[in-house]
N, C-alpha and C. Protein backbone atom coordinates (compact mmCIF):
# COMPACT_ATOMS: atom_id res chain seq x y z
N MET A 1 82.81 54.78 11.66
CA MET A 1 82.87 55.95 12.45
C MET A 1 83.50 55.18 13.75
N PRO A 2 84.19 55.63 14.26
CA PRO A 2 84.47 55.25 15.66
C PRO A 2 83.63 56.22 16.63
N ARG A 3 83.05 55.42 17.57
CA ARG A 3 82.36 55.87 18.90
C ARG A 3 83.35 56.52 19.68
N VAL A 4 83.08 57.64 20.11
CA VAL A 4 84.34 58.39 20.91
C VAL A 4 83.64 58.90 22.08
N ASP A 5 84.71 59.12 23.15
CA ASP A 5 84.09 59.77 24.35
C ASP A 5 83.43 61.37 23.90
N PRO A 6 82.32 61.63 24.18
CA PRO A 6 81.91 62.84 24.05
C PRO A 6 82.59 64.32 24.95
N ALA A 7 83.52 63.95 25.29
CA ALA A 7 83.84 65.35 26.00
C ALA A 7 84.73 65.97 24.88
N GLU A 8 85.22 65.69 23.70
CA GLU A 8 85.71 66.87 22.81
C GLU A 8 84.64 67.28 22.10
N TYR A 9 83.55 66.60 21.69
CA TYR A 9 82.60 67.26 21.26
C TYR A 9 81.93 68.22 21.96
N LEU A 10 81.46 67.87 23.23
CA LEU A 10 80.88 68.74 24.12
C LEU A 10 81.89 69.94 24.30
N SER A 11 82.98 69.98 24.30
CA SER A 11 83.89 71.16 24.48
C SER A 11 83.68 72.10 23.26
N LEU A 12 83.26 71.81 22.06
CA LEU A 12 83.15 72.90 20.96
C LEU A 12 82.07 73.68 21.78
N THR A 13 82.17 75.05 20.98
CA THR A 13 81.26 76.12 21.25
C THR A 13 79.94 76.03 19.87
N LEU A 14 78.81 75.30 20.33
CA LEU A 14 78.00 74.77 19.09
C LEU A 14 76.45 75.66 19.50
N GLN A 15 75.98 75.91 18.80
CA GLN A 15 74.46 76.49 18.54
C GLN A 15 73.33 75.58 19.23
N VAL A 16 73.80 74.31 19.24
CA VAL A 16 72.81 73.23 19.18
C VAL A 16 72.41 73.08 20.72
N ALA A 17 73.11 73.78 21.61
CA ALA A 17 72.81 73.52 22.99
C ALA A 17 71.38 74.04 23.76
N PRO A 18 70.66 75.23 23.42
CA PRO A 18 69.53 75.14 23.52
C PRO A 18 68.46 74.50 23.13
N PHE A 19 68.51 73.58 22.22
CA PHE A 19 67.89 72.71 21.66
C PHE A 19 67.85 71.69 22.12
N VAL A 20 68.91 70.81 22.79
CA VAL A 20 69.05 69.74 23.33
C VAL A 20 68.68 69.30 25.10
N ARG A 21 68.44 70.79 24.99
CA ARG A 21 67.99 70.84 26.75
C ARG A 21 66.75 69.47 26.80
N GLY A 22 67.03 68.64 27.88
CA GLY A 22 65.94 67.48 27.88
C GLY A 22 66.21 66.46 27.19
N PHE A 23 67.23 66.26 26.33
CA PHE A 23 67.59 65.32 25.23
C PHE A 23 69.07 64.94 25.64
N PRO A 24 69.21 63.87 25.97
CA PRO A 24 70.18 63.07 26.49
C PRO A 24 71.06 62.33 25.50
N LEU A 25 72.16 62.88 25.50
CA LEU A 25 72.98 62.65 24.76
C LEU A 25 73.25 61.20 24.60
N HIS A 26 73.08 60.28 23.30
CA HIS A 26 73.07 58.89 23.13
C HIS A 26 74.53 58.42 22.52
N ASP A 27 74.91 59.08 21.76
CA ASP A 27 76.31 58.84 21.29
C ASP A 27 76.88 59.84 20.64
N VAL A 28 78.49 59.79 20.50
CA VAL A 28 78.94 60.77 19.38
C VAL A 28 80.08 59.64 18.68
N TRP A 29 79.95 59.70 17.43
CA TRP A 29 80.89 59.34 16.36
C TRP A 29 82.02 60.41 15.64
N LEU A 30 82.81 60.09 15.47
CA LEU A 30 83.69 60.81 14.90
C LEU A 30 84.47 60.46 13.50
N VAL A 31 84.45 61.01 12.46
CA VAL A 31 85.28 60.53 10.99
C VAL A 31 86.39 61.61 11.13
N GLU A 32 87.64 61.09 10.75
CA GLU A 32 88.55 62.06 10.60
C GLU A 32 89.16 62.40 9.11
N LEU A 33 89.13 63.67 8.46
CA LEU A 33 89.05 64.00 7.17
C LEU A 33 90.51 64.30 6.73
N GLN A 34 90.96 63.98 5.83
CA GLN A 34 92.42 64.06 5.67
C GLN A 34 92.78 65.21 4.76
N GLY A 35 93.59 65.91 4.94
CA GLY A 35 93.71 67.06 3.70
C GLY A 35 93.10 68.12 3.82
N SER A 36 93.35 68.90 2.98
CA SER A 36 92.62 70.10 2.61
C SER A 36 92.66 71.18 3.57
N SER A 37 92.78 72.47 2.89
CA SER A 37 92.69 73.51 4.14
C SER A 37 91.49 73.79 4.26
N GLY A 38 90.80 73.49 4.05
CA GLY A 38 89.24 73.92 4.01
C GLY A 38 88.18 73.11 3.97
N CYS A 39 86.87 72.93 4.72
CA CYS A 39 86.15 71.83 4.69
C CYS A 39 84.83 72.58 5.67
N THR A 40 83.99 72.48 4.62
CA THR A 40 82.61 72.96 5.57
C THR A 40 81.47 71.87 5.44
N LEU A 41 80.41 72.06 6.42
CA LEU A 41 79.31 70.84 6.05
C LEU A 41 78.76 71.36 4.64
N GLN A 42 78.91 72.37 3.73
CA GLN A 42 78.17 72.17 2.61
C GLN A 42 78.99 71.54 1.44
N ASP A 43 80.44 71.34 1.63
CA ASP A 43 81.23 70.66 1.01
C ASP A 43 80.75 69.03 1.40
N LEU A 44 80.51 68.70 2.43
CA LEU A 44 80.32 67.23 2.86
C LEU A 44 78.66 67.19 2.16
N ARG A 45 77.93 68.00 2.42
CA ARG A 45 76.56 67.75 1.82
C ARG A 45 76.55 67.62 0.01
N ASN A 46 77.48 68.22 -0.36
CA ASN A 46 77.46 68.26 -1.73
C ASN A 46 77.97 66.65 -2.33
N LEU A 47 78.75 66.31 -1.47
CA LEU A 47 79.07 64.39 -1.39
C LEU A 47 77.74 63.38 -1.71
N MET A 48 76.43 64.21 -1.03
CA MET A 48 75.48 63.60 -0.79
C MET A 48 74.50 63.59 -1.95
N THR A 49 75.19 63.27 -3.00
CA THR A 49 74.07 63.60 -4.36
C THR A 49 73.42 62.06 -4.58
N ALA A 50 72.53 62.00 -5.55
CA ALA A 50 71.91 60.92 -5.73
C ALA A 50 73.05 59.93 -6.14
N GLU A 51 73.97 60.36 -6.81
CA GLU A 51 75.15 59.41 -7.58
C GLU A 51 75.64 58.86 -5.96
N GLY A 52 76.28 60.13 -5.20
CA GLY A 52 76.90 59.76 -4.24
C GLY A 52 75.97 58.56 -3.00
N ARG A 53 74.81 58.78 -2.96
CA ARG A 53 74.19 57.42 -2.33
C ARG A 53 74.18 56.69 -2.81
N ARG A 54 74.05 56.27 -3.92
CA ARG A 54 73.92 55.11 -4.80
C ARG A 54 75.63 54.43 -4.19
N SER A 55 76.50 55.05 -3.87
CA SER A 55 77.79 54.62 -3.85
C SER A 55 78.09 54.28 -2.26
N LEU A 56 76.97 54.35 -1.46
CA LEU A 56 77.02 53.94 -0.43
C LEU A 56 77.34 52.07 -0.36
N PRO A 57 77.69 51.84 0.94
CA PRO A 57 78.21 50.27 0.60
C PRO A 57 76.75 49.78 0.66
N LEU A 58 76.48 48.30 0.04
CA LEU A 58 75.16 47.76 0.06
C LEU A 58 74.44 47.38 1.31
N PRO A 59 75.32 47.09 2.08
CA PRO A 59 74.55 46.59 3.62
C PRO A 59 74.03 48.05 4.39
N VAL A 60 74.36 48.82 3.89
CA VAL A 60 73.98 50.61 4.41
C VAL A 60 72.77 50.58 3.69
N ARG A 61 72.84 50.59 2.38
CA ARG A 61 71.63 51.01 1.84
C ARG A 61 70.48 50.15 1.86
N GLY A 62 71.23 48.59 2.10
CA GLY A 62 69.91 47.83 2.49
C GLY A 62 69.46 47.74 3.80
N LEU A 63 69.76 48.02 4.94
CA LEU A 63 69.34 48.91 6.12
C LEU A 63 68.38 49.97 6.06
N PHE A 64 69.04 50.91 5.11
CA PHE A 64 67.93 52.12 5.28
C PHE A 64 66.67 51.68 4.64
N PHE A 65 67.12 50.90 3.60
CA PHE A 65 65.56 50.43 2.69
C PHE A 65 64.94 49.66 3.62
N LEU A 66 65.27 48.64 4.61
CA LEU A 66 64.72 48.07 5.28
C LEU A 66 63.67 48.80 6.60
N ARG A 67 64.47 49.66 6.98
CA ARG A 67 64.12 50.60 7.84
C ARG A 67 62.96 51.29 7.46
N SER A 68 63.29 52.07 6.17
CA SER A 68 62.16 52.53 5.30
C SER A 68 60.79 51.65 5.14
N LEU A 69 60.95 50.64 4.97
CA LEU A 69 60.17 49.73 4.75
C LEU A 69 59.15 49.22 5.85
N LEU A 70 59.85 48.94 6.99
CA LEU A 70 59.25 48.72 8.09
C LEU A 70 58.64 49.77 8.93
N GLY A 71 59.06 50.72 8.44
CA GLY A 71 58.66 52.44 9.16
C GLY A 71 57.04 52.30 8.58
N ARG A 72 57.09 52.00 7.03
CA ARG A 72 55.93 51.98 6.01
C ARG A 72 54.88 51.12 7.02
N ILE A 73 55.05 49.66 6.77
CA ILE A 73 54.39 48.64 7.23
C ILE A 73 53.89 48.72 8.67
N PHE A 74 54.81 49.30 9.36
CA PHE A 74 54.59 49.63 11.46
C PHE A 74 53.99 51.04 11.53
N ARG A 75 54.08 51.84 10.79
CA ARG A 75 53.46 53.05 10.79
C ARG A 75 54.65 53.90 11.64
N LEU A 76 56.13 53.42 11.95
CA LEU A 76 56.83 53.97 13.09
C LEU A 76 57.19 55.26 12.42
N ASP A 77 56.93 55.71 11.43
CA ASP A 77 57.20 57.29 10.94
C ASP A 77 56.30 58.19 11.15
N SER A 78 55.13 57.72 11.68
CA SER A 78 54.00 58.65 11.73
C SER A 78 54.57 59.75 13.04
N LYS A 79 53.88 60.78 12.86
CA LYS A 79 54.11 61.86 13.75
C LYS A 79 53.22 62.00 14.50
N PRO A 80 53.99 61.45 16.21
CA PRO A 80 53.07 61.63 17.22
C PRO A 80 52.53 63.24 17.42
N ASP A 81 53.26 63.67 18.03
CA ASP A 81 52.94 65.14 18.09
C ASP A 81 53.50 66.58 17.19
N LYS A 82 52.69 66.79 16.55
CA LYS A 82 53.04 67.82 15.28
C LYS A 82 53.33 69.04 15.82
N GLU A 83 52.76 69.37 17.48
CA GLU A 83 52.91 70.79 17.74
C GLU A 83 54.31 70.73 18.57
N LEU A 84 54.59 69.50 18.80
CA LEU A 84 56.41 69.43 19.54
C LEU A 84 57.25 69.40 18.28
N GLU A 85 57.08 69.32 17.19
CA GLU A 85 58.05 69.19 16.25
C GLU A 85 58.23 70.86 16.03
N ARG A 86 56.79 71.34 15.61
CA ARG A 86 56.84 73.19 15.09
C ARG A 86 57.69 73.50 16.47
N THR A 87 57.39 73.23 17.57
CA THR A 87 57.86 73.94 18.82
C THR A 87 59.54 74.32 18.76
N LEU A 88 60.35 72.94 18.08
CA LEU A 88 61.83 73.05 18.00
C LEU A 88 61.85 74.18 17.07
N ILE A 89 61.63 73.89 15.63
CA ILE A 89 61.68 74.46 14.59
C ILE A 89 61.50 76.32 15.05
N GLU A 90 60.13 76.17 15.16
CA GLU A 90 59.93 77.88 15.50
C GLU A 90 60.83 78.49 16.54
N GLY A 91 61.20 77.57 17.55
CA GLY A 91 62.45 78.01 18.45
C GLY A 91 63.47 78.44 17.90
N VAL A 92 64.16 78.35 16.87
CA VAL A 92 65.56 78.63 16.23
C VAL A 92 65.36 80.12 16.03
N PRO A 93 66.44 81.18 17.01
CA PRO A 93 66.16 82.63 16.64
C PRO A 93 66.71 82.86 15.45
N ALA A 94 65.87 83.97 14.96
CA ALA A 94 65.55 84.76 13.74
C ALA A 94 67.31 85.08 13.26
N GLU A 95 68.12 85.27 14.01
CA GLU A 95 69.59 85.51 13.67
C GLU A 95 70.29 84.20 13.03
N LEU A 96 69.97 82.76 13.97
CA LEU A 96 70.43 82.07 13.32
C LEU A 96 69.66 81.04 12.42
N ALA A 97 68.34 81.66 12.31
CA ALA A 97 67.47 81.07 11.01
C ALA A 97 67.95 81.97 9.92
N GLY A 98 68.06 83.37 10.05
CA GLY A 98 68.74 84.09 8.87
C GLY A 98 70.41 83.31 8.38
N ALA A 99 70.84 83.19 9.27
CA ALA A 99 72.36 82.71 8.73
C ALA A 99 72.60 81.32 8.43
N SER A 100 71.48 80.21 8.61
CA SER A 100 71.26 78.83 8.04
C SER A 100 71.31 78.82 6.72
N LEU A 101 72.06 77.85 5.92
CA LEU A 101 71.78 77.77 4.66
C LEU A 101 70.36 77.39 3.83
N LEU A 102 69.59 76.63 4.90
CA LEU A 102 68.19 76.36 4.56
C LEU A 102 67.49 76.66 5.66
N PRO A 103 66.41 77.02 5.28
CA PRO A 103 65.02 77.63 6.49
C PRO A 103 65.04 76.36 7.38
N PRO A 104 64.84 76.61 8.79
CA PRO A 104 64.53 75.81 9.51
C PRO A 104 63.34 74.89 9.36
N GLY A 105 62.97 73.73 9.43
CA GLY A 105 61.55 72.70 8.74
C GLY A 105 62.01 72.29 7.68
N THR A 106 63.19 72.72 6.91
CA THR A 106 63.38 72.01 5.34
C THR A 106 63.51 70.74 5.87
N PRO A 107 62.71 69.78 4.87
CA PRO A 107 62.92 68.20 5.32
C PRO A 107 64.59 68.09 4.47
N GLN A 108 65.15 67.05 5.09
CA GLN A 108 66.30 66.56 4.71
C GLN A 108 66.19 65.03 5.10
N GLY A 109 65.58 64.27 4.03
CA GLY A 109 65.14 62.88 4.43
C GLY A 109 64.35 62.54 5.76
N PRO A 110 65.21 62.00 6.72
CA PRO A 110 63.93 61.44 7.51
C PRO A 110 63.98 62.80 8.79
N PHE A 111 64.66 63.67 8.55
CA PHE A 111 65.12 64.67 9.11
C PHE A 111 64.16 66.37 8.67
N GLN A 112 64.03 66.91 9.98
CA GLN A 112 63.79 68.49 9.39
C GLN A 112 64.82 69.39 10.16
N THR A 113 64.93 70.13 9.15
CA THR A 113 66.55 71.35 9.38
C THR A 113 65.79 71.89 10.48
N LEU A 114 66.88 72.20 11.38
CA LEU A 114 67.02 73.09 12.50
C LEU A 114 67.70 74.35 11.93
N TYR A 115 68.83 74.00 11.82
CA TYR A 115 70.01 74.78 11.29
C TYR A 115 71.06 74.43 10.43
N ILE A 116 71.65 75.08 9.48
CA ILE A 116 73.15 74.28 8.57
C ILE A 116 73.77 75.92 8.73
N LEU A 117 74.64 75.90 9.40
CA LEU A 117 75.97 76.65 9.15
C LEU A 117 76.84 76.00 8.55
N PRO A 118 78.35 76.99 8.07
CA PRO A 118 79.32 76.31 7.68
C PRO A 118 80.09 75.35 8.37
N ASP A 119 80.09 75.07 9.71
CA ASP A 119 80.93 74.04 10.17
C ASP A 119 79.87 73.52 11.38
N GLU A 120 78.51 73.72 11.11
CA GLU A 120 77.83 72.97 12.70
C GLU A 120 76.08 72.73 11.80
N ALA A 121 75.66 71.99 12.07
CA ALA A 121 74.12 71.72 12.05
C ALA A 121 73.54 71.11 12.68
N ALA A 122 71.95 71.05 12.55
CA ALA A 122 71.09 70.31 13.54
C ALA A 122 70.05 70.18 12.98
N TYR A 123 69.50 68.65 12.98
CA TYR A 123 68.37 68.20 12.74
C TYR A 123 67.59 67.72 13.37
N GLN A 124 66.35 67.48 13.43
CA GLN A 124 65.59 66.44 14.39
C GLN A 124 64.64 65.72 13.54
N ALA A 125 64.66 64.60 14.14
CA ALA A 125 63.68 63.22 13.49
C ALA A 125 62.41 63.10 14.88
N LEU A 126 61.36 63.19 14.53
CA LEU A 126 60.43 62.89 15.50
C LEU A 126 59.16 62.16 14.78
N ASN A 127 59.08 60.89 15.21
CA ASN A 127 58.10 59.89 14.88
C ASN A 127 57.93 59.22 15.88
N ALA A 128 56.93 58.11 15.36
CA ALA A 128 56.25 57.29 16.83
C ALA A 128 57.15 56.29 17.54
N THR A 129 58.59 56.29 17.51
CA THR A 129 59.66 55.67 18.00
C THR A 129 60.49 56.55 19.11
N VAL A 130 60.91 57.42 18.22
CA VAL A 130 61.85 58.77 18.99
C VAL A 130 61.63 59.89 18.44
N HIS A 131 61.86 61.07 19.61
CA HIS A 131 61.96 62.28 18.96
C HIS A 131 64.19 62.13 19.38
N ALA A 132 64.62 62.68 18.13
CA ALA A 132 66.02 62.74 18.00
C ALA A 132 66.67 63.87 17.64
N ILE A 133 67.73 64.43 18.30
CA ILE A 133 68.21 65.42 17.35
C ILE A 133 69.95 65.08 16.69
N LEU A 134 70.05 65.27 15.72
CA LEU A 134 71.41 64.87 15.31
C LEU A 134 72.05 66.25 14.99
N SER A 135 73.18 66.28 15.73
CA SER A 135 74.27 67.46 15.87
C SER A 135 75.21 67.13 14.66
N VAL A 136 75.46 67.69 13.78
CA VAL A 136 76.95 67.38 13.34
C VAL A 136 77.75 68.62 13.31
N ALA A 137 79.15 68.40 13.17
CA ALA A 137 80.08 69.56 13.40
C ALA A 137 81.44 69.31 12.96
N ILE A 138 82.13 70.25 12.45
CA ILE A 138 83.49 70.18 11.69
C ILE A 138 84.35 70.81 12.61
N ALA A 139 85.66 70.49 12.88
CA ALA A 139 86.48 71.07 13.59
C ALA A 139 87.86 70.81 13.14
N ARG A 140 88.80 71.61 12.80
CA ARG A 140 89.97 71.35 12.64
C ARG A 140 90.94 70.45 13.28
N SER A 141 92.11 69.96 12.63
CA SER A 141 92.72 68.88 13.21
C SER A 141 94.15 68.95 12.66
N ASN A 142 95.18 68.55 13.23
CA ASN A 142 96.39 68.49 12.77
C ASN A 142 96.64 67.91 11.39
N SER A 143 95.84 67.00 11.11
CA SER A 143 96.02 66.42 9.53
C SER A 143 94.72 66.58 8.50
N GLY A 144 93.89 67.57 9.44
CA GLY A 144 92.76 68.05 8.18
C GLY A 144 91.50 68.49 9.11
N HIS A 145 90.48 67.51 9.27
CA HIS A 145 89.26 68.13 10.23
C HIS A 145 88.93 66.76 10.67
N ARG A 146 88.14 67.21 11.83
CA ARG A 146 87.48 66.21 12.46
C ARG A 146 85.58 66.47 12.40
N PHE A 147 85.20 65.75 11.62
CA PHE A 147 83.54 65.64 11.30
C PHE A 147 82.75 64.77 12.95
N PHE A 148 81.92 65.87 13.71
CA PHE A 148 81.71 65.05 14.81
C PHE A 148 80.07 64.63 14.34
N TRP A 149 79.67 63.82 14.83
CA TRP A 149 78.21 63.08 14.34
C TRP A 149 77.56 62.73 16.06
N ALA A 150 76.63 63.43 16.62
CA ALA A 150 76.35 63.23 18.06
C ALA A 150 74.67 63.05 17.61
N THR A 151 74.23 62.08 18.65
CA THR A 151 72.63 61.99 18.17
C THR A 151 72.28 62.19 20.30
N TYR A 152 71.41 62.86 19.93
CA TYR A 152 70.37 63.17 20.97
C TYR A 152 68.90 62.71 20.73
N VAL A 153 68.55 61.61 21.94
CA VAL A 153 67.28 61.12 22.31
C VAL A 153 66.38 61.09 23.16
N LYS A 154 65.51 61.51 22.86
CA LYS A 154 64.41 61.92 23.74
C LYS A 154 63.14 60.68 23.68
N PRO A 155 62.63 59.84 24.86
CA PRO A 155 61.83 59.01 24.71
C PRO A 155 60.46 59.92 24.31
N VAL A 156 59.84 58.84 23.11
CA VAL A 156 58.58 59.41 22.87
C VAL A 156 57.34 58.13 23.40
N GLY A 157 58.02 57.37 24.44
CA GLY A 157 57.28 56.40 24.99
C GLY A 157 57.89 55.33 25.27
N ARG A 158 57.65 54.28 25.92
CA ARG A 158 58.07 53.16 26.06
C ARG A 158 58.90 52.25 24.78
N ILE A 159 58.07 52.77 23.71
CA ILE A 159 59.07 51.79 22.62
C ILE A 159 60.79 52.47 22.52
N THR A 160 60.63 53.53 22.59
CA THR A 160 62.30 54.09 22.76
C THR A 160 63.19 53.50 23.16
N ALA A 161 63.28 52.83 24.51
CA ALA A 161 64.21 52.02 24.89
C ALA A 161 64.46 50.92 24.16
N VAL A 162 63.27 50.05 23.79
CA VAL A 162 63.34 49.02 23.09
C VAL A 162 63.97 49.33 21.26
N TYR A 163 63.25 50.37 20.79
CA TYR A 163 63.55 50.93 19.37
C TYR A 163 65.43 51.04 19.45
N MET A 164 65.71 51.45 20.26
CA MET A 164 67.39 52.31 20.20
C MET A 164 68.10 50.85 20.76
N ARG A 165 67.61 49.97 21.39
CA ARG A 165 68.39 48.67 21.62
C ARG A 165 68.49 47.92 20.51
N LEU A 166 67.24 47.30 20.15
CA LEU A 166 67.47 47.19 18.60
C LEU A 166 67.83 47.92 17.47
N ILE A 167 68.49 48.89 17.59
CA ILE A 167 68.70 49.39 16.15
C ILE A 167 70.36 49.73 16.36
N ASP A 168 70.55 49.93 17.88
CA ASP A 168 71.79 50.38 18.15
C ASP A 168 72.99 48.99 17.66
N PRO A 169 72.58 47.48 17.65
CA PRO A 169 73.99 47.18 17.14
C PRO A 169 73.79 47.14 15.25
N PHE A 170 73.28 47.73 14.58
CA PHE A 170 73.20 47.88 13.35
C PHE A 170 73.86 49.08 12.97
N ARG A 171 73.28 50.25 13.84
CA ARG A 171 74.12 51.42 13.75
C ARG A 171 75.74 51.38 13.96
N HIS A 172 75.89 50.71 15.15
CA HIS A 172 77.63 50.57 15.40
C HIS A 172 78.44 49.70 14.74
N GLY A 173 77.75 48.33 14.28
CA GLY A 173 78.24 47.52 13.40
C GLY A 173 78.46 47.36 11.89
N VAL A 174 77.20 48.13 11.42
CA VAL A 174 77.32 48.18 10.00
C VAL A 174 77.06 49.69 9.31
N VAL A 175 76.02 50.47 9.66
CA VAL A 175 75.73 51.51 9.36
C VAL A 175 76.83 52.61 9.63
N TYR A 176 77.09 53.04 10.58
CA TYR A 176 78.23 53.69 11.04
C TYR A 176 79.57 53.63 10.00
N PRO A 177 80.16 52.26 10.50
CA PRO A 177 81.24 51.87 9.75
C PRO A 177 81.12 52.27 8.21
N GLY A 178 80.18 51.94 7.87
CA GLY A 178 79.87 52.06 5.65
C GLY A 178 80.19 53.39 5.88
N LEU A 179 79.34 54.27 6.78
CA LEU A 179 79.18 55.72 6.31
C LEU A 179 80.86 56.51 6.24
N GLU A 180 81.44 55.95 7.67
CA GLU A 180 82.56 56.42 7.60
C GLU A 180 83.76 56.12 6.37
N SER A 181 83.51 54.91 6.00
CA SER A 181 84.47 54.28 4.97
C SER A 181 84.07 55.13 3.58
N TRP A 182 82.72 55.56 3.78
CA TRP A 182 82.31 56.15 2.28
C TRP A 182 82.53 57.36 2.19
N LEU A 183 82.42 58.33 3.56
CA LEU A 183 82.60 59.55 3.43
C LEU A 183 84.54 59.83 3.41
N LYS A 184 85.26 58.75 3.82
CA LYS A 184 86.37 59.03 3.76
C LYS A 184 87.14 59.07 2.41
N ARG A 185 86.39 57.85 1.91
CA ARG A 185 86.54 57.63 0.17
C ARG A 185 85.98 58.76 -0.54
N ALA A 186 85.00 59.21 -0.28
CA ALA A 186 84.37 60.11 -1.03
C ALA A 186 84.83 61.57 -0.98
N TRP A 187 85.29 61.94 0.32
CA TRP A 187 86.54 63.23 0.71
C TRP A 187 87.75 63.00 -0.32
N LEU A 188 88.09 62.03 -0.09
CA LEU A 188 89.68 62.16 -1.28
C LEU A 188 89.19 62.03 -2.21
N ASN A 189 88.17 61.27 -2.87
CA ASN A 189 87.64 61.42 -4.27
C ASN A 189 87.39 62.81 -4.69
N ARG A 190 86.53 63.77 -4.15
CA ARG A 190 86.16 64.75 -4.31
C ARG A 190 86.83 65.77 -5.66
N ALA A 191 87.84 65.52 -5.71
CA ALA A 191 88.49 66.51 -6.66
C ALA A 191 89.23 65.86 -7.74
N LYS A 192 88.75 64.36 -7.92
CA LYS A 192 89.49 64.04 -9.11
C LYS A 192 88.29 63.89 -10.16
C-alpha cells in the first residue's frame, strides 16, 4: 500500500471527523482497486474470510502472530481505560449507529467497531501501547476505486511514541505492502 499525501483522504466528506478530534493523523495509505462498477466495504470485508486470511503473505501472517504473542507475553493488549473506550463507542450518534452494518462496539480482531457504512468505516484500538482510530474509505476513480486506510494515533503514555517507532518500519516495509498485494489479487480473483 503506498503511503500517500493525506490531502486527498482529508478532502473526503467522512463521518469519522468528530471521533478523531484530539487524535493526530499518523499516516494514510491507498490501494487502487481496478475495474468493477461497484465496490463497498462489505465487498472488501467478504474477502476477509478465514480462507482469505490464510492466503495473506507469510511475512504478514508471521508479523501478526509475533505481535499477538508479544502482546500476550508483555500484556500489551490490556485496556488501560475502559471508560475511554466506552466513551467513543457510546458517542456514536443514534442515526449513524442505526445505519451501521454492525453495532458500535462489535469486536473486529484487535479493534472495536465504531461504525461501518457502505463506503466508509471507523474502528478503534485501545491498549497499553496506543489509542488508535482506523478509518477506511472507498472513493470512485477513473480506473475503479481508491481504498484509503488512515490511522490516527493518540498517546496513552510514553510508550506510544517508542512503540510506533518500533512498529512503523514493519508496517511500512512488510505489512502494508503485503496487504496491498493480497487485496489487489483477492479483489481481481473474487469473481472467478
